Amino acid sequence: MTTPTVTELVRNGNHVGERRELGRYTIPEGERLIIGQRINGVVRLVDVPAGGRGRHYLIERQLEQDGHSALNAIVADYLQQAEQHRVVPMLIPIQRWLDHADTSDGRDE
C-alpha cells in the first residue's frame, strides 16, 4: 500500500500552494523576504519580515495573467526600490516613487 502524496494544502476552504522565496533585501529595520504563493489559483506576491514577526505587505496579486517575466520584473524593480530608498517599497509615497521612475521609454512627457 502506498501513502498518498500531499501536493496542495487547504486552509479555510482555500487551496494554498507552497510559499516560494523570490528575493530578499535588508533595510535598517532588518531583513525582509519577497514571497510568491498561489492561493485559490491566484498568484500573490508579498513582502514579509525574514523573522516572521511584523508587518506583511501585499505587493501584487493575479500575476498569473501576466506571466513569469512580469513576475520577475516586479521582483527586480521592488528590490531596486528597497536598495535605493532603504525602506519597505510599499511605504514609499507614490509621488516620491514617480519622481525616481525611469521615464526613458521613449514616450513624450
PDB file of N, CA and C in Angstrom:
ATOM      1  N   MET A   1       0.845  -1.182   0.000  1.00  0.00           N
ATOM      2  CA  MET A   1       0.000   0.000   0.000  1.00  0.00           C
ATOM      3  C   MET A   1       0.887   1.240   0.000  1.00  0.00           C
ATOM      4  N   THR A   2       0.597   2.178  -0.888  1.00  0.00           N
ATOM      5  CA  THR A   2       1.381   3.409  -0.949  1.00  0.00           C
ATOM      6  C   THR A   2       0.655   4.529  -0.227  1.00  0.00           C
ATOM      7  N   THR A   3       1.439   5.398   0.359  1.00  0.00           N
ATOM      8  CA  THR A   3       0.886   6.554   1.057  1.00  0.00           C
ATOM      9  C   THR A   3       0.633   7.662   0.045  1.00  0.00           C
ATOM     10  N   PRO A   4      -0.550   8.276   0.076  1.00  0.00           N
ATOM     11  CA  PRO A   4      -0.813   9.368  -0.867  1.00  0.00           C
ATOM     12  C   PRO A   4       0.111  10.555  -0.598  1.00  0.00           C
ATOM     13  N   THR A   5       0.489  11.238  -1.656  1.00  0.00           N
ATOM     14  CA  THR A   5       1.344  12.413  -1.546  1.00  0.00           C
ATOM     15  C   THR A   5       0.482  13.662  -1.485  1.00  0.00           C
ATOM     16  N   VAL A   6       0.759  14.516  -0.520  1.00  0.00           N
ATOM     17  CA  VAL A   6       0.027  15.772  -0.397  1.00  0.00           C
ATOM     18  C   VAL A   6       0.737  16.810  -1.256  1.00  0.00           C
ATOM     19  N   THR A   7       0.036  17.361  -2.225  1.00  0.00           N
ATOM     20  CA  THR A   7       0.638  18.366  -3.098  1.00  0.00           C
ATOM     21  C   THR A   7       0.013  19.739  -2.912  1.00  0.00           C
ATOM     22  N   GLU A   8      -1.070  19.805  -2.188  1.00  0.00           N
ATOM     23  CA  GLU A   8      -1.759  21.078  -2.027  1.00  0.00           C
ATOM     24  C   GLU A   8      -2.429  21.120  -0.663  1.00  0.00           C
ATOM     25  N   LEU A   9      -2.297  22.239   0.017  1.00  0.00           N
ATOM     26  CA  LEU A   9      -2.959  22.434   1.299  1.00  0.00           C
ATOM     27  C   LEU A   9      -4.297  23.122   1.089  1.00  0.00           C
ATOM     28  N   VAL A  10      -5.193  22.927   2.036  1.00  0.00           N
ATOM     29  CA  VAL A  10      -6.456  23.656   2.021  1.00  0.00           C
ATOM     30  C   VAL A  10      -6.595  24.320   3.381  1.00  0.00           C
ATOM     31  N   ARG A  11      -6.716  25.653   3.368  1.00  0.00           N
ATOM     32  CA  ARG A  11      -6.908  26.417   4.600  1.00  0.00           C
ATOM     33  C   ARG A  11      -8.151  27.262   4.438  1.00  0.00           C
ATOM     34  N   ASN A  12      -9.046  27.171   5.384  1.00  0.00           N
ATOM     35  CA  ASN A  12     -10.294  27.940   5.344  1.00  0.00           C
ATOM     36  C   ASN A  12     -11.030  27.751   4.021  1.00  0.00           C
ATOM     37  N   GLY A  13     -10.942  26.562   3.456  1.00  0.00           N
ATOM     38  CA  GLY A  13     -11.619  26.278   2.196  1.00  0.00           C
ATOM     39  C   GLY A  13     -10.873  26.751   0.966  1.00  0.00           C
ATOM     40  N   ASN A  14      -9.723  27.405   1.133  1.00  0.00           N
ATOM     41  CA  ASN A  14      -8.930  27.903   0.009  1.00  0.00           C
ATOM     42  C   ASN A  14      -7.772  26.956  -0.278  1.00  0.00           C
ATOM     43  N   HIS A  15      -7.532  26.670  -1.551  1.00  0.00           N
ATOM     44  CA  HIS A  15      -6.386  25.861  -1.941  1.00  0.00           C
ATOM     45  C   HIS A  15      -5.147  26.744  -1.863  1.00  0.00           C
ATOM     46  N   VAL A  16      -4.158  26.295  -1.091  1.00  0.00           N
ATOM     47  CA  VAL A  16      -2.973  27.103  -0.823  1.00  0.00           C
ATOM     48  C   VAL A  16      -1.734  26.366  -1.312  1.00  0.00           C
ATOM     49  N   GLY A  17      -0.999  26.984  -2.231  1.00  0.00           N
ATOM     50  CA  GLY A  17       0.228  26.399  -2.756  1.00  0.00           C
ATOM     51  C   GLY A  17       1.420  26.699  -1.869  1.00  0.00           C
ATOM     52  N   GLU A  18       2.538  26.124  -2.233  1.00  0.00           N
ATOM     53  CA  GLU A  18       3.777  26.296  -1.492  1.00  0.00           C
ATOM     54  C   GLU A  18       4.285  27.736  -1.592  1.00  0.00           C
ATOM     55  N   ARG A  19       4.796  28.246  -0.477  1.00  0.00           N
ATOM     56  CA  ARG A  19       5.404  29.586  -0.466  1.00  0.00           C
ATOM     57  C   ARG A  19       6.800  29.483  -1.066  1.00  0.00           C
ATOM     58  N   ARG A  20       7.136  30.422  -1.956  1.00  0.00           N
ATOM     59  CA  ARG A  20       8.456  30.416  -2.588  1.00  0.00           C
ATOM     60  C   ARG A  20       9.127  31.773  -2.398  1.00  0.00           C
ATOM     61  N   GLU A  21      10.346  31.727  -1.887  1.00  0.00           N
ATOM     62  CA  GLU A  21      11.115  32.960  -1.734  1.00  0.00           C
ATOM     63  C   GLU A  21      11.620  33.385  -3.108  1.00  0.00           C
ATOM     64  N   LEU A  22      11.284  34.613  -3.497  1.00  0.00           N
ATOM     65  CA  LEU A  22      11.680  35.135  -4.801  1.00  0.00           C
ATOM     66  C   LEU A  22      12.755  36.208  -4.693  1.00  0.00           C
ATOM     67  N   GLY A  23      12.987  36.693  -3.488  1.00  0.00           N
ATOM     68  CA  GLY A  23      14.011  37.704  -3.279  1.00  0.00           C
ATOM     69  C   GLY A  23      14.109  38.051  -1.808  1.00  0.00           C
ATOM     70  N   ARG A  24      15.189  38.739  -1.470  1.00  0.00           N
ATOM     71  CA  ARG A  24      15.356  39.218  -0.093  1.00  0.00           C
ATOM     72  C   ARG A  24      16.164  40.497  -0.116  1.00  0.00           C
ATOM     73  N   TYR A  25      15.936  41.325   0.883  1.00  0.00           N
ATOM     74  CA  TYR A  25      16.671  42.580   0.985  1.00  0.00           C
ATOM     75  C   TYR A  25      16.784  42.963   2.447  1.00  0.00           C
ATOM     76  N   THR A  26      17.720  43.854   2.723  1.00  0.00           N
ATOM     77  CA  THR A  26      17.942  44.303   4.093  1.00  0.00           C
ATOM     78  C   THR A  26      17.800  45.818   4.150  1.00  0.00           C
ATOM     79  N   ILE A  27      17.046  46.263   5.134  1.00  0.00           N
ATOM     80  CA  ILE A  27      16.886  47.686   5.418  1.00  0.00           C
ATOM     81  C   ILE A  27      17.299  47.888   6.879  1.00  0.00           C
ATOM     82  N   PRO A  28      17.418  49.122   7.347  1.00  0.00           N
ATOM     83  CA  PRO A  28      17.837  49.331   8.741  1.00  0.00           C
ATOM     84  C   PRO A  28      16.979  48.568   9.769  1.00  0.00           C
ATOM     85  N   GLU A  29      15.706  48.345   9.475  1.00  0.00           N
ATOM     86  CA  GLU A  29      14.824  47.647  10.409  1.00  0.00           C
ATOM     87  C   GLU A  29      15.027  46.137  10.390  1.00  0.00           C
ATOM     88  N   GLY A  30      15.759  45.612   9.410  1.00  0.00           N
ATOM     89  CA  GLY A  30      16.018  44.175   9.357  1.00  0.00           C
ATOM     90  C   GLY A  30      15.846  43.585   7.966  1.00  0.00           C
ATOM     91  N   GLU A  31      16.007  42.286   7.895  1.00  0.00           N
ATOM     92  CA  GLU A  31      15.918  41.583   6.618  1.00  0.00           C
ATOM     93  C   GLU A  31      14.467  41.240   6.293  1.00  0.00           C
ATOM     94  N   ARG A  32      14.125  41.348   4.997  1.00  0.00           N
ATOM     95  CA  ARG A  32      12.767  41.065   4.544  1.00  0.00           C
ATOM     96  C   ARG A  32      12.818  40.145   3.334  1.00  0.00           C
ATOM     97  N   LEU A  33      11.727  39.412   3.126  1.00  0.00           N
ATOM     98  CA  LEU A  33      11.624  38.457   2.032  1.00  0.00           C
ATOM     99  C   LEU A  33      10.487  38.831   1.098  1.00  0.00           C
ATOM    100  N   ILE A  34      10.672  38.545  -0.165  1.00  0.00           N
ATOM    101  CA  ILE A  34       9.586  38.642  -1.138  1.00  0.00           C
ATOM    102  C   ILE A  34       9.157  37.207  -1.412  1.00  0.00           C
ATOM    103  N   ILE A  35       7.896  36.928  -1.130  1.00  0.00           N
ATOM    104  CA  ILE A  35       7.359  35.574  -1.230  1.00  0.00           C
ATOM    105  C   ILE A  35       6.274  35.521  -2.297  1.00  0.00           C
ATOM    106  N   GLY A  36       6.326  34.491  -3.120  1.00  0.00           N
ATOM    107  CA  GLY A  36       5.269  34.222  -4.084  1.00  0.00           C
ATOM    108  C   GLY A  36       4.492  33.000  -3.633  1.00  0.00           C
ATOM    109  N   GLN A  37       3.177  33.036  -3.791  1.00  0.00           N
ATOM    110  CA  GLN A  37       2.338  31.910  -3.384  1.00  0.00           C
ATOM    111  C   GLN A  37       1.045  31.931  -4.179  1.00  0.00           C
ATOM    112  N   ARG A  38       0.592  30.746  -4.555  1.00  0.00           N
ATOM    113  CA  ARG A  38      -0.681  30.622  -5.260  1.00  0.00           C
ATOM    114  C   ARG A  38      -1.754  30.262  -4.229  1.00  0.00           C
ATOM    115  N   ILE A  39      -2.795  31.087  -4.151  1.00  0.00           N
ATOM    116  CA  ILE A  39      -3.902  30.848  -3.224  1.00  0.00           C
ATOM    117  C   ILE A  39      -5.189  30.878  -4.027  1.00  0.00           C
ATOM    118  N   ASN A  40      -5.907  29.761  -4.005  1.00  0.00           N
ATOM    119  CA  ASN A  40      -7.150  29.635  -4.778  1.00  0.00           C
ATOM    120  C   ASN A  40      -6.918  29.929  -6.261  1.00  0.00           C
ATOM    121  N   GLY A  41      -5.768  29.507  -6.768  1.00  0.00           N
ATOM    122  CA  GLY A  41      -5.453  29.698  -8.172  1.00  0.00           C
ATOM    123  C   GLY A  41      -4.907  31.062  -8.526  1.00  0.00           C
ATOM    124  N   VAL A  42      -4.809  31.960  -7.552  1.00  0.00           N
ATOM    125  CA  VAL A  42      -4.345  33.328  -7.790  1.00  0.00           C
ATOM    126  C   VAL A  42      -2.932  33.485  -7.221  1.00  0.00           C
ATOM    127  N   VAL A  43      -1.992  33.942  -8.050  1.00  0.00           N
ATOM    128  CA  VAL A  43      -0.622  34.164  -7.599  1.00  0.00           C
ATOM    129  C   VAL A  43      -0.554  35.489  -6.851  1.00  0.00           C
ATOM    130  N   ARG A  44       0.019  35.428  -5.644  1.00  0.00           N
ATOM    131  CA  ARG A  44       0.178  36.630  -4.824  1.00  0.00           C
ATOM    132  C   ARG A  44       1.648  36.823  -4.502  1.00  0.00           C
ATOM    133  N   LEU A  45       2.054  38.060  -4.474  1.00  0.00           N
ATOM    134  CA  LEU A  45       3.421  38.430  -4.152  1.00  0.00           C
ATOM    135  C   LEU A  45       3.362  39.291  -2.898  1.00  0.00           C
ATOM    136  N   VAL A  46       4.064  38.871  -1.840  1.00  0.00           N
ATOM    137  CA  VAL A  46       4.024  39.593  -0.570  1.00  0.00           C
ATOM    138  C   VAL A  46       5.432  39.882  -0.064  1.00  0.00           C
ATOM    139  N   ASP A  47       5.533  40.913   0.759  1.00  0.00           N
ATOM    140  CA  ASP A  47       6.773  41.326   1.409  1.00  0.00           C
ATOM    141  C   ASP A  47       6.589  41.031   2.893  1.00  0.00           C
ATOM    142  N   VAL A  48       7.455  40.176   3.450  1.00  0.00           N
ATOM    143  CA  VAL A  48       7.317  39.752   4.843  1.00  0.00           C
ATOM    144  C   VAL A  48       8.654  39.881   5.566  1.00  0.00           C
ATOM    145  N   PRO A  49       8.624  40.073   6.893  1.00  0.00           N
ATOM    146  CA  PRO A  49       9.871  40.086   7.652  1.00  0.00           C
ATOM    147  C   PRO A  49      10.505  38.692   7.635  1.00  0.00           C
ATOM    148  N   ALA A  50      11.832  38.628   7.524  1.00  0.00           N
ATOM    149  CA  ALA A  50      12.521  37.336   7.481  1.00  0.00           C
ATOM    150  C   ALA A  50      12.292  36.539   8.759  1.00  0.00           C
ATOM    151  N   GLY A  51      12.163  37.220   9.878  1.00  0.00           N
ATOM    152  CA  GLY A  51      11.944  36.540  11.150  1.00  0.00           C
ATOM    153  C   GLY A  51      10.514  36.077  11.363  1.00  0.00           C
ATOM    154  N   GLY A  52       9.616  36.446  10.454  1.00  0.00           N
ATOM    155  CA  GLY A  52       8.229  36.007  10.554  1.00  0.00           C
ATOM    156  C   GLY A  52       7.312  36.940  11.325  1.00  0.00           C
ATOM    157  N   ARG A  53       7.859  37.740  12.219  1.00  0.00           N
ATOM    158  CA  ARG A  53       7.028  38.645  13.016  1.00  0.00           C
ATOM    159  C   ARG A  53       7.146  40.055  12.484  1.00  0.00           C
ATOM    160  N   GLY A  54       6.002  40.707  12.357  1.00  0.00           N
ATOM    161  CA  GLY A  54       5.993  42.080  11.874  1.00  0.00           C
ATOM    162  C   GLY A  54       5.011  42.245  10.732  1.00  0.00           C
ATOM    163  N   ARG A  55       5.014  43.414  10.159  1.00  0.00           N
ATOM    164  CA  ARG A  55       4.045  43.787   9.129  1.00  0.00           C
ATOM    165  C   ARG A  55       4.306  43.052   7.815  1.00  0.00           C
ATOM    166  N   HIS A  56       3.241  42.541   7.206  1.00  0.00           N
ATOM    167  CA  HIS A  56       3.284  41.912   5.892  1.00  0.00           C
ATOM    168  C   HIS A  56       2.611  42.858   4.903  1.00  0.00           C
ATOM    169  N   TYR A  57       3.162  42.953   3.688  1.00  0.00           N
ATOM    170  CA  TYR A  57       2.611  43.847   2.666  1.00  0.00           C
ATOM    171  C   TYR A  57       2.287  43.056   1.407  1.00  0.00           C
ATOM    172  N   LEU A  58       1.083  43.239   0.889  1.00  0.00           N
ATOM    173  CA  LEU A  58       0.715  42.664  -0.398  1.00  0.00           C
ATOM    174  C   LEU A  58       1.315  43.551  -1.480  1.00  0.00           C
ATOM    175  N   ILE A  59       2.178  42.986  -2.305  1.00  0.00           N
ATOM    176  CA  ILE A  59       2.810  43.741  -3.385  1.00  0.00           C
ATOM    177  C   ILE A  59       1.925  43.703  -4.623  1.00  0.00           C
ATOM    178  N   GLU A  60       1.478  42.509  -4.982  1.00  0.00           N
ATOM    179  CA  GLU A  60       0.683  42.343  -6.204  1.00  0.00           C
ATOM    180  C   GLU A  60      -0.054  41.018  -6.132  1.00  0.00           C
ATOM    181  N   ARG A  61      -1.162  40.929  -6.852  1.00  0.00           N
ATOM    182  CA  ARG A  61      -1.878  39.652  -6.958  1.00  0.00           C
ATOM    183  C   ARG A  61      -2.409  39.506  -8.376  1.00  0.00           C
ATOM    184  N   GLN A  62      -2.825  38.320  -8.699  1.00  0.00           N
ATOM    185  CA  GLN A  62      -3.320  37.946 -10.028  1.00  0.00           C
ATOM    186  C   GLN A  62      -2.230  38.075 -11.089  1.00  0.00           C
ATOM    187  N   LEU A  63      -1.012  37.740 -10.700  1.00  0.00           N
ATOM    188  CA  LEU A  63       0.116  37.800 -11.628  1.00  0.00           C
ATOM    189  C   LEU A  63       0.103  36.667 -12.638  1.00  0.00           C
ATOM    190  N   GLU A  64      -0.693  35.641 -12.398  1.00  0.00           N
ATOM    191  CA  GLU A  64      -0.733  34.508 -13.326  1.00  0.00           C
ATOM    192  C   GLU A  64      -1.220  34.934 -14.702  1.00  0.00           C
ATOM    193  N   GLN A  65      -1.911  36.057 -14.773  1.00  0.00           N
ATOM    194  CA  GLN A  65      -2.421  36.547 -16.053  1.00  0.00           C
ATOM    195  C   GLN A  65      -1.314  37.188 -16.890  1.00  0.00           C
ATOM    196  N   ASP A  66      -0.250  37.664 -16.242  1.00  0.00           N
ATOM    197  CA  ASP A  66       0.807  38.397 -16.938  1.00  0.00           C
ATOM    198  C   ASP A  66       2.044  37.562 -17.244  1.00  0.00           C
ATOM    199  N   GLY A  67       2.168  36.396 -16.646  1.00  0.00           N
ATOM    200  CA  GLY A  67       3.286  35.514 -16.939  1.00  0.00           C
ATOM    201  C   GLY A  67       4.479  35.683 -16.020  1.00  0.00           C
ATOM    202  N   HIS A  68       5.402  34.753 -16.182  1.00  0.00           N
ATOM    203  CA  HIS A  68       6.580  34.686 -15.317  1.00  0.00           C
ATOM    204  C   HIS A  68       7.518  35.874 -15.509  1.00  0.00           C
ATOM    205  N   SER A  69       7.644  36.380 -16.734  1.00  0.00           N
ATOM    206  CA  SER A  69       8.542  37.521 -16.967  1.00  0.00           C
ATOM    207  C   SER A  69       8.037  38.771 -16.245  1.00  0.00           C
ATOM    208  N   ALA A  70       6.728  38.946 -16.166  1.00  0.00           N
ATOM    209  CA  ALA A  70       6.162  40.082 -15.429  1.00  0.00           C
ATOM    210  C   ALA A  70       6.457  39.947 -13.935  1.00  0.00           C
ATOM    211  N   LEU A  71       6.337  38.735 -13.419  1.00  0.00           N
ATOM    212  CA  LEU A  71       6.654  38.477 -12.015  1.00  0.00           C
ATOM    213  C   LEU A  71       8.113  38.829 -11.735  1.00  0.00           C
ATOM    214  N   ASN A  72       9.015  38.362 -12.593  1.00  0.00           N
ATOM    215  CA  ASN A  72      10.437  38.655 -12.410  1.00  0.00           C
ATOM    216  C   ASN A  72      10.719  40.150 -12.474  1.00  0.00           C
ATOM    217  N   ALA A  73      10.046  40.864 -13.362  1.00  0.00           N
ATOM    218  CA  ALA A  73      10.244  42.312 -13.495  1.00  0.00           C
ATOM    219  C   ALA A  73       9.789  43.044 -12.234  1.00  0.00           C
ATOM    220  N   ILE A  74       8.662  42.639 -11.676  1.00  0.00           N
ATOM    221  CA  ILE A  74       8.165  43.274 -10.453  1.00  0.00           C
ATOM    222  C   ILE A  74       9.134  43.038  -9.304  1.00  0.00           C
ATOM    223  N   VAL A  75       9.611  41.807  -9.163  1.00  0.00           N
ATOM    224  CA  VAL A  75      10.551  41.490  -8.083  1.00  0.00           C
ATOM    225  C   VAL A  75      11.835  42.303  -8.239  1.00  0.00           C
ATOM    226  N   ALA A  76      12.381  42.367  -9.449  1.00  0.00           N
ATOM    227  CA  ALA A  76      13.619  43.125  -9.688  1.00  0.00           C
ATOM    228  C   ALA A  76      13.430  44.605  -9.363  1.00  0.00           C
ATOM    229  N   ASP A  77      12.322  45.187  -9.800  1.00  0.00           N
ATOM    230  CA  ASP A  77      12.059  46.598  -9.523  1.00  0.00           C
ATOM    231  C   ASP A  77      11.878  46.834  -8.027  1.00  0.00           C
ATOM    232  N   TYR A  78      11.168  45.936  -7.365  1.00  0.00           N
ATOM    233  CA  TYR A  78      10.921  46.069  -5.933  1.00  0.00           C
ATOM    234  C   TYR A  78      12.240  46.046  -5.155  1.00  0.00           C
ATOM    235  N   LEU A  79      13.127  45.119  -5.520  1.00  0.00           N
ATOM    236  CA  LEU A  79      14.423  45.034  -4.850  1.00  0.00           C
ATOM    237  C   LEU A  79      15.261  46.286  -5.100  1.00  0.00           C
ATOM    238  N   GLN A  80      15.194  46.816  -6.308  1.00  0.00           N
ATOM    239  CA  GLN A  80      15.916  48.049  -6.632  1.00  0.00           C
ATOM    240  C   GLN A  80      15.392  49.211  -5.789  1.00  0.00           C
ATOM    241  N   GLN A  81      14.067  49.317  -5.663  1.00  0.00           N
ATOM    242  CA  GLN A  81      13.473  50.392  -4.864  1.00  0.00           C
ATOM    243  C   GLN A  81      13.869  50.269  -3.389  1.00  0.00           C
ATOM    244  N   ALA A  82      13.905  49.034  -2.882  1.00  0.00           N
ATOM    245  CA  ALA A  82      14.302  48.821  -1.484  1.00  0.00           C
ATOM    246  C   ALA A  82      15.741  49.256  -1.261  1.00  0.00           C
ATOM    247  N   GLU A  83      16.611  48.917  -2.203  1.00  0.00           N
ATOM    248  CA  GLU A  83      18.018  49.300  -2.078  1.00  0.00           C
ATOM    249  C   GLU A  83      18.193  50.813  -2.187  1.00  0.00           C
ATOM    250  N   GLN A  84      17.480  51.416  -3.105  1.00  0.00           N
ATOM    251  CA  GLN A  84      17.607  52.856  -3.339  1.00  0.00           C
ATOM    252  C   GLN A  84      17.082  53.685  -2.169  1.00  0.00           C
ATOM    253  N   HIS A  85      15.932  53.316  -1.627  1.00  0.00           N
ATOM    254  CA  HIS A  85      15.275  54.135  -0.600  1.00  0.00           C
ATOM    255  C   HIS A  85      15.524  53.656   0.827  1.00  0.00           C
ATOM    256  N   ARG A  86      16.024  52.405   0.975  1.00  0.00           N
ATOM    257  CA  ARG A  86      16.329  51.829   2.292  1.00  0.00           C
ATOM    258  C   ARG A  86      15.111  51.736   3.205  1.00  0.00           C
ATOM    259  N   VAL A  87      13.945  51.536   2.601  1.00  0.00           N
ATOM    260  CA  VAL A  87      12.694  51.300   3.329  1.00  0.00           C
ATOM    261  C   VAL A  87      11.901  50.242   2.569  1.00  0.00           C
ATOM    262  N   VAL A  88      10.850  49.736   3.194  1.00  0.00           N
ATOM    263  CA  VAL A  88       9.933  48.832   2.502  1.00  0.00           C
ATOM    264  C   VAL A  88       9.312  49.619   1.347  1.00  0.00           C
ATOM    265  N   PRO A  89       9.482  49.176   0.104  1.00  0.00           N
ATOM    266  CA  PRO A  89       8.963  49.946  -1.030  1.00  0.00           C
ATOM    267  C   PRO A  89       7.470  50.253  -0.962  1.00  0.00           C
ATOM    268  N   MET A  90       6.675  49.415  -0.331  1.00  0.00           N
ATOM    269  CA  MET A  90       5.238  49.676  -0.229  1.00  0.00           C
ATOM    270  C   MET A  90       4.945  50.889   0.649  1.00  0.00           C
ATOM    271  N   LEU A  91       5.942  51.381   1.377  1.00  0.00           N
ATOM    272  CA  LEU A  91       5.751  52.553   2.232  1.00  0.00           C
ATOM    273  C   LEU A  91       6.148  53.856   1.557  1.00  0.00           C
ATOM    274  N   ILE A  92       6.749  53.774   0.370  1.00  0.00           N
ATOM    275  CA  ILE A  92       7.199  54.970  -0.336  1.00  0.00           C
ATOM    276  C   ILE A  92       5.988  55.696  -0.913  1.00  0.00           C
ATOM    277  N   PRO A  93       5.812  56.971  -0.585  1.00  0.00           N
ATOM    278  CA  PRO A  93       4.689  57.715  -1.173  1.00  0.00           C
ATOM    279  C   PRO A  93       4.779  57.691  -2.699  1.00  0.00           C
ATOM    280  N   ILE A  94       3.649  57.614  -3.371  1.00  0.00           N
ATOM    281  CA  ILE A  94       3.602  57.467  -4.820  1.00  0.00           C
ATOM    282  C   ILE A  94       4.359  58.578  -5.539  1.00  0.00           C
ATOM    283  N   GLN A  95       4.260  59.805  -5.076  1.00  0.00           N
ATOM    284  CA  GLN A  95       4.947  60.891  -5.775  1.00  0.00           C
ATOM    285  C   GLN A  95       6.458  60.725  -5.702  1.00  0.00           C
ATOM    286  N   ARG A  96       6.952  60.292  -4.553  1.00  0.00           N
ATOM    287  CA  ARG A  96       8.394  60.056  -4.424  1.00  0.00           C
ATOM    288  C   ARG A  96       8.829  58.962  -5.391  1.00  0.00           C
ATOM    289  N   TRP A  97       8.016  57.928  -5.523  1.00  0.00           N
ATOM    290  CA  TRP A  97       8.332  56.852  -6.461  1.00  0.00           C
ATOM    291  C   TRP A  97       8.299  57.367  -7.894  1.00  0.00           C
ATOM    292  N   LEU A  98       7.286  58.153  -8.236  1.00  0.00           N
ATOM    293  CA  LEU A  98       7.185  58.683  -9.594  1.00  0.00           C
ATOM    294  C   LEU A  98       8.356  59.601  -9.932  1.00  0.00           C
ATOM    295  N   ASP A  99       8.839  60.343  -8.943  1.00  0.00           N
ATOM    296  CA  ASP A  99       9.984  61.225  -9.165  1.00  0.00           C
ATOM    297  C   ASP A  99      11.236  60.445  -9.549  1.00  0.00           C
ATOM    298  N   HIS A 100      11.325  59.189  -9.105  1.00  0.00           N
ATOM    299  CA  HIS A 100      12.500  58.367  -9.383  1.00  0.00           C
ATOM    300  C   HIS A 100      12.247  57.328 -10.470  1.00  0.00           C
ATOM    301  N   ALA A 101      11.048  57.272 -11.007  1.00  0.00           N
ATOM    302  CA  ALA A 101      10.721  56.261 -12.023  1.00  0.00           C
ATOM    303  C   ALA A 101      11.488  56.536 -13.310  1.00  0.00           C
ATOM    304  N   ASP A 102      11.804  55.484 -14.000  1.00  0.00           N
ATOM    305  CA  ASP A 102      12.522  55.600 -15.269  1.00  0.00           C
ATOM    306  C   ASP A 102      11.550  56.081 -16.333  1.00  0.00           C
ATOM    307  N   THR A 103      11.839  57.225 -16.934  1.00  0.00           N
ATOM    308  CA  THR A 103      10.974  57.763 -17.989  1.00  0.00           C
ATOM    309  C   THR A 103      11.661  57.692 -19.340  1.00  0.00           C
ATOM    310  N   SER A 104      12.672  56.857 -19.454  1.00  0.00           N
ATOM    311  CA  SER A 104      13.443  56.765 -20.699  1.00  0.00           C
ATOM    312  C   SER A 104      12.874  55.731 -21.660  1.00  0.00           C
ATOM    313  N   ASP A 105      11.565  55.544 -21.649  1.00  0.00           N
ATOM    314  CA  ASP A 105      10.957  54.535 -22.518  1.00  0.00           C
ATOM    315  C   ASP A 105      10.570  55.099 -23.885  1.00  0.00           C
ATOM    316  N   GLY A 106      10.951  56.327 -24.166  1.00  0.00           N
ATOM    317  CA  GLY A 106      10.698  56.903 -25.479  1.00  0.00           C
ATOM    318  C   GLY A 106       9.391  57.653 -25.597  1.00  0.00           C
ATOM    319  N   ARG A 107       8.573  57.640 -24.570  1.00  0.00           N
ATOM    320  CA  ARG A 107       7.302  58.374 -24.627  1.00  0.00           C
ATOM    321  C   ARG A 107       7.536  59.846 -24.358  1.00  0.00           C
ATOM    322  N   ASP A 108       6.735  60.681 -24.980  1.00  0.00           N
ATOM    323  CA  ASP A 108       6.796  62.119 -24.707  1.00  0.00           C
ATOM    324  C   ASP A 108       6.132  62.392 -23.376  1.00  0.00           C
ATOM    325  N   GLU A 109       6.680  63.336 -22.658  1.00  0.00           N
ATOM    326  CA  GLU A 109       6.090  63.679 -21.354  1.00  0.00           C
ATOM    327  C   GLU A 109       5.254  64.911 -21.464  1.00  0.00           C
TER     328      GLU A 109
END
